[in-house]
PDB file of N, CA and C in Angstrom:
ATOM      1  N   MET A   1     107.715 101.247 185.161  1.00  0.00           N
ATOM      2  CA  MET A   1     107.338 100.103 184.355  1.00  0.00           C
ATOM      3  C   MET A   1     108.593  99.283 184.076  1.00  0.00           C
ATOM      4  N   GLN A   2     108.441  97.981 184.095  1.00  0.00           N
ATOM      5  CA  GLN A   2     109.562  97.083 183.859  1.00  0.00           C
ATOM      6  C   GLN A   2     109.353  96.343 182.539  1.00  0.00           C
ATOM      7  N   THR A   3     110.452  95.987 181.904  1.00  0.00           N
ATOM      8  CA  THR A   3     110.373  95.213 180.671  1.00  0.00           C
ATOM      9  C   THR A   3     110.317  93.735 181.009  1.00  0.00           C
ATOM     10  N   GLY A   4     110.230  92.891 180.007  1.00  0.00           N
ATOM     11  CA  GLY A   4     110.138  91.447 180.218  1.00  0.00           C
ATOM     12  C   GLY A   4     111.340  90.868 180.939  1.00  0.00           C
ATOM     13  N   ASN A   5     112.486  91.524 180.885  1.00  0.00           N
ATOM     14  CA  ASN A   5     113.673  90.987 181.548  1.00  0.00           C
ATOM     15  C   ASN A   5     113.866  91.579 182.946  1.00  0.00           C
ATOM     16  N   GLY A   6     112.863  92.299 183.459  1.00  0.00           N
ATOM     17  CA  GLY A   6     112.911  92.832 184.812  1.00  0.00           C
ATOM     18  C   GLY A   6     113.600  94.174 184.944  1.00  0.00           C
ATOM     19  N   ARG A   7     113.993  94.766 183.839  1.00  0.00           N
ATOM     20  CA  ARG A   7     114.661  96.064 183.876  1.00  0.00           C
ATOM     21  C   ARG A   7     113.708  97.140 183.406  1.00  0.00           C
ATOM     22  N   ARG A   8     113.922  98.335 183.882  1.00  0.00           N
ATOM     23  CA  ARG A   8     113.088  99.442 183.412  1.00  0.00           C
ATOM     24  C   ARG A   8     113.622  99.930 182.067  1.00  0.00           C
ATOM     25  N   PRO A   9     112.740 100.428 181.184  1.00  0.00           N
ATOM     26  CA  PRO A   9     113.205 100.929 179.891  1.00  0.00           C
ATOM     27  C   PRO A   9     114.086 102.166 180.091  1.00  0.00           C
ATOM     28  N   LEU A  10     115.160 102.233 179.348  1.00  0.00           N
ATOM     29  CA  LEU A  10     116.096 103.340 179.469  1.00  0.00           C
ATOM     30  C   LEU A  10     115.887 104.401 178.402  1.00  0.00           C
ATOM     31  N   GLY A  11     115.066 104.157 177.441  1.00  0.00           N
ATOM     32  CA  GLY A  11     114.822 105.105 176.357  1.00  0.00           C
ATOM     33  C   GLY A  11     114.307 104.369 175.134  1.00  0.00           C
ATOM     34  N   VAL A  12     114.338 105.051 174.011  1.00  0.00           N
ATOM     35  CA  VAL A  12     113.856 104.459 172.763  1.00  0.00           C
ATOM     36  C   VAL A  12     114.985 104.433 171.744  1.00  0.00           C
ATOM     37  N   THR A  13     114.848 103.551 170.800  1.00  0.00           N
ATOM     38  CA  THR A  13     115.778 103.488 169.677  1.00  0.00           C
ATOM     39  C   THR A  13     114.992 103.789 168.419  1.00  0.00           C
ATOM     40  N   ARG A  14     115.440 104.787 167.691  1.00  0.00           N
ATOM     41  CA  ARG A  14     114.793 105.147 166.431  1.00  0.00           C
ATOM     42  C   ARG A  14     115.791 104.915 165.299  1.00  0.00           C
ATOM     43  N   VAL A  15     115.280 104.432 164.177  1.00  0.00           N
ATOM     44  CA  VAL A  15     116.117 104.158 163.018  1.00  0.00           C
ATOM     45  C   VAL A  15     115.653 105.065 161.881  1.00  0.00           C
ATOM     46  N   ALA A  16     116.581 105.800 161.298  1.00  0.00           N
ATOM     47  CA  ALA A  16     116.259 106.702 160.188  1.00  0.00           C
ATOM     48  C   ALA A  16     115.818 105.907 158.963  1.00  0.00           C
ATOM     49  N   ASN A  17     114.924 106.494 158.180  1.00  0.00           N
ATOM     50  CA  ASN A  17     114.467 105.850 156.949  1.00  0.00           C
ATOM     51  C   ASN A  17     115.631 105.520 156.026  1.00  0.00           C
ATOM     52  N   GLU A  18     116.654 106.380 156.019  1.00  0.00           N
ATOM     53  CA  GLU A  18     117.810 106.140 155.157  1.00  0.00           C
ATOM     54  C   GLU A  18     118.535 104.854 155.558  1.00  0.00           C
ATOM     55  N   VAL A  19     118.558 104.541 156.831  1.00  0.00           N
ATOM     56  CA  VAL A  19     119.193 103.308 157.299  1.00  0.00           C
ATOM     57  C   VAL A  19     118.411 102.100 156.803  1.00  0.00           C
ATOM     58  N   VAL A  20     117.091 102.165 156.924  1.00  0.00           N
ATOM     59  CA  VAL A  20     116.245 101.077 156.415  1.00  0.00           C
ATOM     60  C   VAL A  20     116.455 100.941 154.908  1.00  0.00           C
ATOM     61  N   ALA A  21     116.521 102.080 154.214  1.00  0.00           N
ATOM     62  CA  ALA A  21     116.728 102.057 152.764  1.00  0.00           C
ATOM     63  C   ALA A  21     118.061 101.400 152.421  1.00  0.00           C
ATOM     64  N   TRP A  22     119.122 101.725 153.160  1.00  0.00           N
ATOM     65  CA  TRP A  22     120.429 101.109 152.905  1.00  0.00           C
ATOM     66  C   TRP A  22     120.374  99.605 153.110  1.00  0.00           C
ATOM     67  N   ILE A  23     119.746  99.164 154.177  1.00  0.00           N
ATOM     68  CA  ILE A  23     119.632  97.724 154.432  1.00  0.00           C
ATOM     69  C   ILE A  23     118.896  97.047 153.274  1.00  0.00           C
ATOM     70  N   ALA A  24     117.788  97.648 152.848  1.00  0.00           N
ATOM     71  CA  ALA A  24     116.994  97.077 151.763  1.00  0.00           C
ATOM     72  C   ALA A  24     117.781  97.049 150.458  1.00  0.00           C
ATOM     73  N   VAL A  25     118.459  98.139 150.148  1.00  0.00           N
ATOM     74  CA  VAL A  25     119.189  98.241 148.888  1.00  0.00           C
ATOM     75  C   VAL A  25     120.384  97.293 148.856  1.00  0.00           C
ATOM     76  N   LEU A  26     121.170  97.280 149.916  1.00  0.00           N
ATOM     77  CA  LEU A  26     122.343  96.412 149.929  1.00  0.00           C
ATOM     78  C   LEU A  26     121.940  94.938 149.869  1.00  0.00           C
ATOM     79  N   THR A  27     120.805  94.617 150.465  1.00  0.00           N
ATOM     80  CA  THR A  27     120.291  93.245 150.379  1.00  0.00           C
ATOM     81  C   THR A  27     119.821  92.940 148.961  1.00  0.00           C
ATOM     82  N   ALA A  28     119.081  93.866 148.355  1.00  0.00           N
ATOM     83  CA  ALA A  28     118.578  93.655 146.990  1.00  0.00           C
ATOM     84  C   ALA A  28     119.715  93.507 145.994  1.00  0.00           C
ATOM     85  N   LEU A  29     120.789  94.267 146.171  1.00  0.00           N
ATOM     86  CA  LEU A  29     121.918  94.204 145.243  1.00  0.00           C
ATOM     87  C   LEU A  29     122.635  92.857 145.271  1.00  0.00           C
ATOM     88  N   GLN A  30     122.405  92.070 146.316  1.00  0.00           N
ATOM     89  CA  GLN A  30     123.022  90.745 146.418  1.00  0.00           C
ATOM     90  C   GLN A  30     122.224  89.662 145.694  1.00  0.00           C
ATOM     91  N   VAL A  31     121.026  89.995 145.242  1.00  0.00           N
ATOM     92  CA  VAL A  31     120.178  89.010 144.559  1.00  0.00           C
ATOM     93  C   VAL A  31     120.678  88.833 143.124  1.00  0.00           C
ATOM     94  N   PRO A  32     120.927  87.594 142.707  1.00  0.00           N
ATOM     95  CA  PRO A  32     121.339  87.361 141.320  1.00  0.00           C
ATOM     96  C   PRO A  32     120.284  87.902 140.351  1.00  0.00           C
ATOM     97  N   GLY A  33     120.755  88.625 139.344  1.00  0.00           N
ATOM     98  CA  GLY A  33     119.850  89.226 138.357  1.00  0.00           C
ATOM     99  C   GLY A  33     119.653  90.707 138.562  1.00  0.00           C
ATOM    100  N   VAL A  34     120.020  91.232 139.743  1.00  0.00           N
ATOM    101  CA  VAL A  34     119.923  92.673 139.998  1.00  0.00           C
ATOM    102  C   VAL A  34     121.256  93.295 139.609  1.00  0.00           C
ATOM    103  N   HIS A  35     121.207  94.246 138.684  1.00  0.00           N
ATOM    104  CA  HIS A  35     122.419  94.904 138.202  1.00  0.00           C
ATOM    105  C   HIS A  35     122.758  96.136 139.044  1.00  0.00           C
ATOM    106  N   ALA A  36     121.751  96.922 139.380  1.00  0.00           N
ATOM    107  CA  ALA A  36     121.956  98.171 140.126  1.00  0.00           C
ATOM    108  C   ALA A  36     120.601  98.649 140.621  1.00  0.00           C
ATOM    109  N   MET A  37     120.610  99.770 141.321  1.00  0.00           N
ATOM    110  CA  MET A  37     119.365 100.413 141.732  1.00  0.00           C
ATOM    111  C   MET A  37     119.084 101.537 140.746  1.00  0.00           C
ATOM    112  N   TYR A  38     117.869 102.035 140.753  1.00  0.00           N
ATOM    113  CA  TYR A  38     117.420 103.017 139.774  1.00  0.00           C
ATOM    114  C   TYR A  38     116.761 104.169 140.503  1.00  0.00           C
ATOM    115  N   GLN A  39     117.098 105.384 140.113  1.00  0.00           N
ATOM    116  CA  GLN A  39     116.468 106.564 140.700  1.00  0.00           C
ATOM    117  C   GLN A  39     115.485 107.140 139.696  1.00  0.00           C
ATOM    118  N   ALA A  40     114.215 106.970 139.958  1.00  0.00           N
ATOM    119  CA  ALA A  40     113.196 107.517 139.065  1.00  0.00           C
ATOM    120  C   ALA A  40     113.285 109.036 139.074  1.00  0.00           C
ATOM    121  N   GLY A  41     113.200 109.641 137.905  1.00  0.00           N
ATOM    122  CA  GLY A  41     113.208 111.098 137.813  1.00  0.00           C
ATOM    123  C   GLY A  41     114.586 111.725 137.834  1.00  0.00           C
ATOM    124  N   GLY A  42     115.638 110.930 137.942  1.00  0.00           N
ATOM    125  CA  GLY A  42     116.986 111.486 137.943  1.00  0.00           C
ATOM    126  C   GLY A  42     117.424 111.864 136.540  1.00  0.00           C
ATOM    127  N   GLN A  43     118.572 112.514 136.433  1.00  0.00           N
ATOM    128  CA  GLN A  43     119.138 112.829 135.121  1.00  0.00           C
ATOM    129  C   GLN A  43     119.395 111.513 134.394  1.00  0.00           C
ATOM    130  N   SER A  44     119.260 111.515 133.092  1.00  0.00           N
ATOM    131  CA  SER A  44     119.362 110.265 132.341  1.00  0.00           C
ATOM    132  C   SER A  44     120.680 109.536 132.577  1.00  0.00           C
ATOM    133  N   LEU A  45     121.781 110.257 132.762  1.00  0.00           N
ATOM    134  CA  LEU A  45     123.059 109.596 132.999  1.00  0.00           C
ATOM    135  C   LEU A  45     123.225 109.148 134.442  1.00  0.00           C
ATOM    136  N   GLU A  46     122.399 109.659 135.335  1.00  0.00           N
ATOM    137  CA  GLU A  46     122.545 109.356 136.755  1.00  0.00           C
ATOM    138  C   GLU A  46     121.464 108.412 137.278  1.00  0.00           C
ATOM    139  N   ARG A  47     120.619 107.889 136.421  1.00  0.00           N
ATOM    140  CA  ARG A  47     119.506 107.068 136.895  1.00  0.00           C
ATOM    141  C   ARG A  47     119.952 105.718 137.424  1.00  0.00           C
ATOM    142  N   ILE A  48     120.963 105.124 136.834  1.00  0.00           N
ATOM    143  CA  ILE A  48     121.464 103.842 137.326  1.00  0.00           C
ATOM    144  C   ILE A  48     122.454 104.145 138.429  1.00  0.00           C
ATOM    145  N   LEU A  49     122.118 103.722 139.632  1.00  0.00           N
ATOM    146  CA  LEU A  49     122.871 104.110 140.813  1.00  0.00           C
ATOM    147  C   LEU A  49     123.817 103.024 141.267  1.00  0.00           C
ATOM    148  N   ARG A  50     125.025 103.399 141.482  1.00  0.00           N
ATOM    149  CA  ARG A  50     126.002 102.487 142.044  1.00  0.00           C
ATOM    150  C   ARG A  50     125.935 102.595 143.558  1.00  0.00           C
ATOM    151  N   ARG A  51     126.794 101.928 144.235  1.00  0.00           N
ATOM    152  CA  ARG A  51     126.721 101.764 145.679  1.00  0.00           C
ATOM    153  C   ARG A  51     126.658 103.074 146.476  1.00  0.00           C
ATOM    154  N   SER A  52     127.432 104.107 146.127  1.00  0.00           N
ATOM    155  CA  SER A  52     127.513 105.310 146.959  1.00  0.00           C
ATOM    156  C   SER A  52     126.190 106.056 147.096  1.00  0.00           C
ATOM    157  N   SER A  53     125.322 105.975 146.106  1.00  0.00           N
ATOM    158  CA  SER A  53     124.035 106.659 146.207  1.00  0.00           C
ATOM    159  C   SER A  53     122.862 105.715 145.972  1.00  0.00           C
ATOM    160  N   ALA A  54     123.103 104.435 146.108  1.00  0.00           N
ATOM    161  CA  ALA A  54     122.085 103.431 145.780  1.00  0.00           C
ATOM    162  C   ALA A  54     120.844 103.521 146.660  1.00  0.00           C
ATOM    163  N   HIS A  55     120.978 104.063 147.888  1.00  0.00           N
ATOM    164  CA  HIS A  55     119.807 104.132 148.767  1.00  0.00           C
ATOM    165  C   HIS A  55     118.703 104.988 148.171  1.00  0.00           C
ATOM    166  N   ARG A  56     119.032 105.798 147.180  1.00  0.00           N
ATOM    167  CA  ARG A  56     118.015 106.605 146.504  1.00  0.00           C
ATOM    168  C   ARG A  56     117.108 105.750 145.632  1.00  0.00           C
ATOM    169  N   GLY A  57     117.466 104.504 145.437  1.00  0.00           N
ATOM    170  CA  GLY A  57     116.629 103.586 144.687  1.00  0.00           C
ATOM    171  C   GLY A  57     115.592 102.889 145.558  1.00  0.00           C
ATOM    172  N   ALA A  58     115.409 103.394 146.779  1.00  0.00           N
ATOM    173  CA  ALA A  58     114.421 102.818 147.703  1.00  0.00           C
ATOM    174  C   ALA A  58     113.606 103.932 148.337  1.00  0.00           C
ATOM    175  N   ARG A  59     112.358 103.615 148.615  1.00  0.00           N
ATOM    176  CA  ARG A  59     111.488 104.536 149.346  1.00  0.00           C
ATOM    177  C   ARG A  59     110.905 103.752 150.518  1.00  0.00           C
ATOM    178  N   VAL A  60     111.013 104.324 151.709  1.00  0.00           N
ATOM    179  CA  VAL A  60     110.564 103.650 152.929  1.00  0.00           C
ATOM    180  C   VAL A  60     109.517 104.512 153.611  1.00  0.00           C
ATOM    181  N   GLU A  61     108.414 103.899 153.992  1.00  0.00           N
ATOM    182  CA  GLU A  61     107.372 104.594 154.742  1.00  0.00           C
ATOM    183  C   GLU A  61     106.998 103.776 155.966  1.00  0.00           C
ATOM    184  N   LEU A  62     106.827 104.462 157.080  1.00  0.00           N
ATOM    185  CA  LEU A  62     106.374 103.832 158.313  1.00  0.00           C
ATOM    186  C   LEU A  62     104.867 104.029 158.406  1.00  0.00           C
ATOM    187  N   ARG A  63     104.147 102.941 158.582  1.00  0.00           N
ATOM    188  CA  ARG A  63     102.691 103.033 158.703  1.00  0.00           C
ATOM    189  C   ARG A  63     102.314 103.726 160.005  1.00  0.00           C
ATOM    190  N   GLU A  64     101.071 104.136 160.101  1.00  0.00           N
ATOM    191  CA  GLU A  64     100.592 104.872 161.274  1.00  0.00           C
ATOM    192  C   GLU A  64     100.699 104.068 162.560  1.00  0.00           C
ATOM    193  N   ASP A  65     100.748 102.731 162.470  1.00  0.00           N
ATOM    194  CA  ASP A  65     100.866 101.928 163.684  1.00  0.00           C
ATOM    195  C   ASP A  65     102.241 102.069 164.332  1.00  0.00           C
ATOM    196  N   GLY A  66     103.196 102.659 163.593  1.00  0.00           N
ATOM    197  CA  GLY A  66     104.513 102.937 164.149  1.00  0.00           C
ATOM    198  C   GLY A  66     105.470 101.769 164.182  1.00  0.00           C
ATOM    199  N   SER A  67     105.061 100.605 163.684  1.00  0.00           N
ATOM    200  CA  SER A  67     105.965  99.453 163.727  1.00  0.00           C
ATOM    201  C   SER A  67     105.996  98.647 162.430  1.00  0.00           C
ATOM    202  N   THR A  68     105.249  99.084 161.413  1.00  0.00           N
ATOM    203  CA  THR A  68     105.194  98.349 160.157  1.00  0.00           C
ATOM    204  C   THR A  68     105.713  99.229 159.027  1.00  0.00           C
ATOM    205  N   LEU A  69     106.610  98.657 158.226  1.00  0.00           N
ATOM    206  CA  LEU A  69     107.225  99.388 157.125  1.00  0.00           C
ATOM    207  C   LEU A  69     106.678  98.953 155.771  1.00  0.00           C
ATOM    208  N   ASP A  70     106.555  99.917 154.873  1.00  0.00           N
ATOM    209  CA  ASP A  70     106.279  99.639 153.465  1.00  0.00           C
ATOM    210  C   ASP A  70     107.495 100.126 152.688  1.00  0.00           C
ATOM    211  N   ILE A  71     108.021  99.277 151.822  1.00  0.00           N
ATOM    212  CA  ILE A  71     109.244  99.578 151.099  1.00  0.00           C
ATOM    213  C   ILE A  71     109.003  99.433 149.603  1.00  0.00           C
ATOM    214  N   ASP A  72     109.444 100.425 148.841  1.00  0.00           N
ATOM    215  CA  ASP A  72     109.445 100.369 147.384  1.00  0.00           C
ATOM    216  C   ASP A  72     110.897 100.339 146.933  1.00  0.00           C
ATOM    217  N   LEU A  73     111.241  99.387 146.065  1.00  0.00           N
ATOM    218  CA  LEU A  73     112.593  99.274 145.535  1.00  0.00           C
ATOM    219  C   LEU A  73     112.544  99.390 144.017  1.00  0.00           C
ATOM    220  N   TYR A  74     113.433 100.201 143.477  1.00  0.00           N
ATOM    221  CA  TYR A  74     113.517 100.440 142.038  1.00  0.00           C
ATOM    222  C   TYR A  74     114.824  99.842 141.551  1.00  0.00           C
ATOM    223  N   VAL A  75     114.723  98.765 140.766  1.00  0.00           N
ATOM    224  CA  VAL A  75     115.924  98.019 140.392  1.00  0.00           C
ATOM    225  C   VAL A  75     116.149  98.009 138.886  1.00  0.00           C
ATOM    226  N   VAL A  76     117.422  97.840 138.551  1.00  0.00           N
ATOM    227  CA  VAL A  76     117.838  97.604 137.178  1.00  0.00           C
ATOM    228  C   VAL A  76     118.191  96.125 137.107  1.00  0.00           C
ATOM    229  N   MET A  77     117.494  95.410 136.235  1.00  0.00           N
ATOM    230  CA  MET A  77     117.642  93.967 136.153  1.00  0.00           C
ATOM    231  C   MET A  77     118.489  93.582 134.951  1.00  0.00           C
ATOM    232  N   LEU A  78     119.221  92.505 135.078  1.00  0.00           N
ATOM    233  CA  LEU A  78     119.989  91.974 133.958  1.00  0.00           C
ATOM    234  C   LEU A  78     119.057  91.264 132.978  1.00  0.00           C
ATOM    235  N   ALA A  79     119.295  91.484 131.705  1.00  0.00           N
ATOM    236  CA  ALA A  79     118.501  90.811 130.675  1.00  0.00           C
ATOM    237  C   ALA A  79     118.697  89.309 130.792  1.00  0.00           C
ATOM    238  N   GLY A  80     117.642  88.577 130.498  1.00  0.00           N
ATOM    239  CA  GLY A  80     117.721  87.120 130.523  1.00  0.00           C
ATOM    240  C   GLY A  80     117.351  86.511 131.861  1.00  0.00           C
ATOM    241  N   THR A  81     117.052  87.341 132.859  1.00  0.00           N
ATOM    242  CA  THR A  81     116.627  86.810 134.152  1.00  0.00           C
ATOM    243  C   THR A  81     115.110  86.935 134.271  1.00  0.00           C
ATOM    244  N   SER A  82     114.527  86.165 135.140  1.00  0.00           N
ATOM    245  CA  SER A  82     113.085  86.133 135.322  1.00  0.00           C
ATOM    246  C   SER A  82     112.644  87.214 136.307  1.00  0.00           C
ATOM    247  N   ALA A  83     111.881  88.174 135.826  1.00  0.00           N
ATOM    248  CA  ALA A  83     111.409  89.266 136.687  1.00  0.00           C
ATOM    249  C   ALA A  83     110.610  88.752 137.891  1.00  0.00           C
ATOM    250  N   PRO A  84     109.667  87.819 137.706  1.00  0.00           N
ATOM    251  CA  PRO A  84     108.934  87.327 138.873  1.00  0.00           C
ATOM    252  C   PRO A  84     109.831  86.644 139.906  1.00  0.00           C
ATOM    253  N   GLN A  85     110.802  85.861 139.439  1.00  0.00           N
ATOM    254  CA  GLN A  85     111.698  85.174 140.370  1.00  0.00           C
ATOM    255  C   GLN A  85     112.622  86.155 141.086  1.00  0.00           C
ATOM    256  N   VAL A  86     113.186  87.097 140.346  1.00  0.00           N
ATOM    257  CA  VAL A  86     114.067  88.092 140.958  1.00  0.00           C
ATOM    258  C   VAL A  86     113.281  88.935 141.959  1.00  0.00           C
ATOM    259  N   GLY A  87     112.089  89.382 141.571  1.00  0.00           N
ATOM    260  CA  GLY A  87     111.262  90.188 142.475  1.00  0.00           C
ATOM    261  C   GLY A  87     110.912  89.452 143.753  1.00  0.00           C
ATOM    262  N   ALA A  88     110.529  88.191 143.635  1.00  0.00           N
ATOM    263  CA  ALA A  88     110.171  87.401 144.813  1.00  0.00           C
ATOM    264  C   ALA A  88     111.375  87.187 145.729  1.00  0.00           C
ATOM    265  N   GLU A  89     112.539  86.959 145.141  1.00  0.00           N
ATOM    266  CA  GLU A  89     113.743  86.754 145.945  1.00  0.00           C
ATOM    267  C   GLU A  89     114.156  88.045 146.653  1.00  0.00           C
ATOM    268  N   ILE A  90     114.018  89.180 145.975  1.00  0.00           N
ATOM    269  CA  ILE A  90     114.285  90.475 146.618  1.00  0.00           C
ATOM    270  C   ILE A  90     113.352  90.657 147.804  1.00  0.00           C
ATOM    271  N   GLN A  91     112.073  90.414 147.606  1.00  0.00           N
ATOM    272  CA  GLN A  91     111.097  90.581 148.682  1.00  0.00           C
ATOM    273  C   GLN A  91     111.430  89.698 149.876  1.00  0.00           C
ATOM    274  N   ARG A  92     111.751  88.435 149.619  1.00  0.00           N
ATOM    275  CA  ARG A  92     112.053  87.496 150.700  1.00  0.00           C
ATOM    276  C   ARG A  92     113.292  87.928 151.481  1.00  0.00           C
ATOM    277  N   ARG A  93     114.354  88.244 150.755  1.00  0.00           N
ATOM    278  CA  ARG A  93     115.612  88.589 151.426  1.00  0.00           C
ATOM    279  C   ARG A  93     115.524  89.921 152.178  1.00  0.00           C
ATOM    280  N   VAL A  94     114.886  90.914 151.565  1.00  0.00           N
ATOM    281  CA  VAL A  94     114.776  92.226 152.219  1.00  0.00           C
ATOM    282  C   VAL A  94     113.898  92.134 153.467  1.00  0.00           C
ATOM    283  N   ALA A  95     112.779  91.441 153.388  1.00  0.00           N
ATOM    284  CA  ALA A  95     111.918  91.282 154.563  1.00  0.00           C
ATOM    285  C   ALA A  95     112.681  90.611 155.688  1.00  0.00           C
ATOM    286  N   ASP A  96     113.421  89.552 155.372  1.00  0.00           N
ATOM    287  CA  ASP A  96     114.195  88.846 156.383  1.00  0.00           C
ATOM    288  C   ASP A  96     115.252  89.757 157.004  1.00  0.00           C
ATOM    289  N   ALA A  97     115.988  90.497 156.182  1.00  0.00           N
ATOM    290  CA  ALA A  97     117.057  91.366 156.690  1.00  0.00           C
ATOM    291  C   ALA A  97     116.509  92.477 157.583  1.00  0.00           C
ATOM    292  N   VAL A  98     115.444  93.131 157.160  1.00  0.00           N
ATOM    293  CA  VAL A  98     114.871  94.234 157.940  1.00  0.00           C
ATOM    294  C   VAL A  98     114.300  93.719 159.255  1.00  0.00           C
ATOM    295  N   GLU A  99     113.576  92.618 159.211  1.00  0.00           N
ATOM    296  CA  GLU A  99     112.987  92.074 160.434  1.00  0.00           C
ATOM    297  C   GLU A  99     114.061  91.568 161.395  1.00  0.00           C
ATOM    298  N   ARG A 100     115.105  90.928 160.855  1.00  0.00           N
ATOM    299  CA  ARG A 100     116.179  90.399 161.703  1.00  0.00           C
ATOM    300  C   ARG A 100     117.029  91.514 162.302  1.00  0.00           C
ATOM    301  N   MET A 101     117.392  92.512 161.500  1.00  0.00           N
ATOM    302  CA  MET A 101     118.308  93.550 161.955  1.00  0.00           C
ATOM    303  C   MET A 101     117.623  94.640 162.782  1.00  0.00           C
ATOM    304  N   LEU A 102     116.372  94.936 162.474  1.00  0.00           N
ATOM    305  CA  LEU A 102     115.698  96.058 163.128  1.00  0.00           C
ATOM    306  C   LEU A 102     114.534  95.657 164.011  1.00  0.00           C
ATOM    307  N   GLY A 103     114.052  94.440 163.867  1.00  0.00           N
ATOM    308  CA  GLY A 103     112.912  94.003 164.663  1.00  0.00           C
ATOM    309  C   GLY A 103     111.622  94.683 164.259  1.00  0.00           C
ATOM    310  N   LEU A 104     111.576  95.236 163.045  1.00  0.00           N
ATOM    311  CA  LEU A 104     110.363  95.891 162.550  1.00  0.00           C
ATOM    312  C   LEU A 104     109.642  94.962 161.577  1.00  0.00           C
ATOM    313  N   GLU A 105     108.338  95.022 161.615  1.00  0.00           N
ATOM    314  CA  GLU A 105     107.526  94.210 160.719  1.00  0.00           C
ATOM    315  C   GLU A 105     107.473  94.882 159.350  1.00  0.00           C
ATOM    316  N   VAL A 106     107.599  94.088 158.300  1.00  0.00           N
ATOM    317  CA  VAL A 106     107.492  94.601 156.939  1.00  0.00           C
ATOM    318  C   VAL A 106     106.094  94.298 156.427  1.00  0.00           C
ATOM    319  N   GLY A 107     105.359  95.356 156.090  1.00  0.00           N
ATOM    320  CA  GLY A 107     104.005  95.184 155.574  1.00  0.00           C
ATOM    321  C   GLY A 107     104.001  94.819 154.100  1.00  0.00           C
ATOM    322  N   SER A 108     104.794  95.576 153.311  1.00  0.00           N
ATOM    323  CA  SER A 108     104.876  95.293 151.883  1.00  0.00           C
ATOM    324  C   SER A 108     106.238  95.707 151.348  1.00  0.00           C
ATOM    325  N   ILE A 109     106.668  94.970 150.340  1.00  0.00           N
ATOM    326  CA  ILE A 109     107.866  95.323 149.595  1.00  0.00           C
ATOM    327  C   ILE A 109     107.473  95.253 148.124  1.00  0.00           C
ATOM    328  N   ASP A 110     107.385  96.405 147.498  1.00  0.00           N
ATOM    329  CA  ASP A 110     107.037  96.464 146.084  1.00  0.00           C
ATOM    330  C   ASP A 110     108.322  96.658 145.283  1.00  0.00           C
ATOM    331  N   VAL A 111     108.556  95.755 144.348  1.00  0.00           N
ATOM    332  CA  VAL A 111     109.748  95.802 143.510  1.00  0.00           C
ATOM    333  C   VAL A 111     109.341  96.326 142.140  1.00  0.00           C
ATOM    334  N   HIS A 112     109.994  97.398 141.726  1.00  0.00           N
ATOM    335  CA  HIS A 112     109.729  98.019 140.441  1.00  0.00           C
ATOM    336  C   HIS A 112     110.935  97.769 139.534  1.00  0.00           C
ATOM    337  N   ILE A 113     110.726  97.006 138.463  1.00  0.00           N
ATOM    338  CA  ILE A 113     111.795  96.785 137.483  1.00  0.00           C
ATOM    339  C   ILE A 113     111.771  98.017 136.586  1.00  0.00           C
ATOM    340  N   SER A 114     112.719  98.914 136.808  1.00  0.00           N
ATOM    341  CA  SER A 114     112.707 100.203 136.119  1.00  0.00           C
ATOM    342  C   SER A 114     113.515 100.214 134.844  1.00  0.00           C
ATOM    343  N   GLU A 115     114.409  99.258 134.709  1.00  0.00           N
ATOM    344  CA  GLU A 115     115.231  99.189 133.502  1.00  0.00           C
ATOM    345  C   GLU A 115     115.841  97.799 133.403  1.00  0.00           C
ATOM    346  N   VAL A 116     116.138  97.397 132.184  1.00  0.00           N
ATOM    347  CA  VAL A 116     116.811  96.130 131.929  1.00  0.00           C
ATOM    348  C   VAL A 116     118.081  96.446 131.152  1.00  0.00           C
ATOM    349  N   VAL A 117     119.201  95.850 131.578  1.00  0.00           N
ATOM    350  CA  VAL A 117     120.462  96.083 130.868  1.00  0.00           C
ATOM    351  C   VAL A 117     120.924  94.792 130.208  1.00  0.00           C
ATOM    352  N   PHE A 118     121.550  94.968 129.073  1.00  0.00           N
ATOM    353  CA  PHE A 118     122.129  93.859 128.322  1.00  0.00           C
ATOM    354  C   PHE A 118     123.641  93.971 128.475  1.00  0.00           C
ATOM    355  N   VAL A 119     124.227  93.020 129.186  1.00  0.00           N
ATOM    356  CA  VAL A 119     125.669  93.082 129.458  1.00  0.00           C
ATOM    357  C   VAL A 119     126.380  92.012 128.664  1.00  0.00           C
TER     358      VAL A 119
END
């Protein structure tokens, strides 16, 4: 079998869920109003996640079709920002980054505002 460019396929490329989670988290952390990621169920002092373990603030599932992702992001938001606006911007940027970098379709991105900080 040949691909669209006239070459035969040489194999498959698989991306670990943790990689998708990192892409989603690092993109979300760039949105104004996002302070950090949040790990639900973690120890009270460890729930607000900084960069080294921030991917734990995301959950990624591949749908049965094998090409569509559902992503849940748990964020800590800065007080005084608009939750609907921040959530929508996270969804837009993460969908764009995942689709551009991985070529995978994003089915849903659910943003959970798990905590608000006053800085």
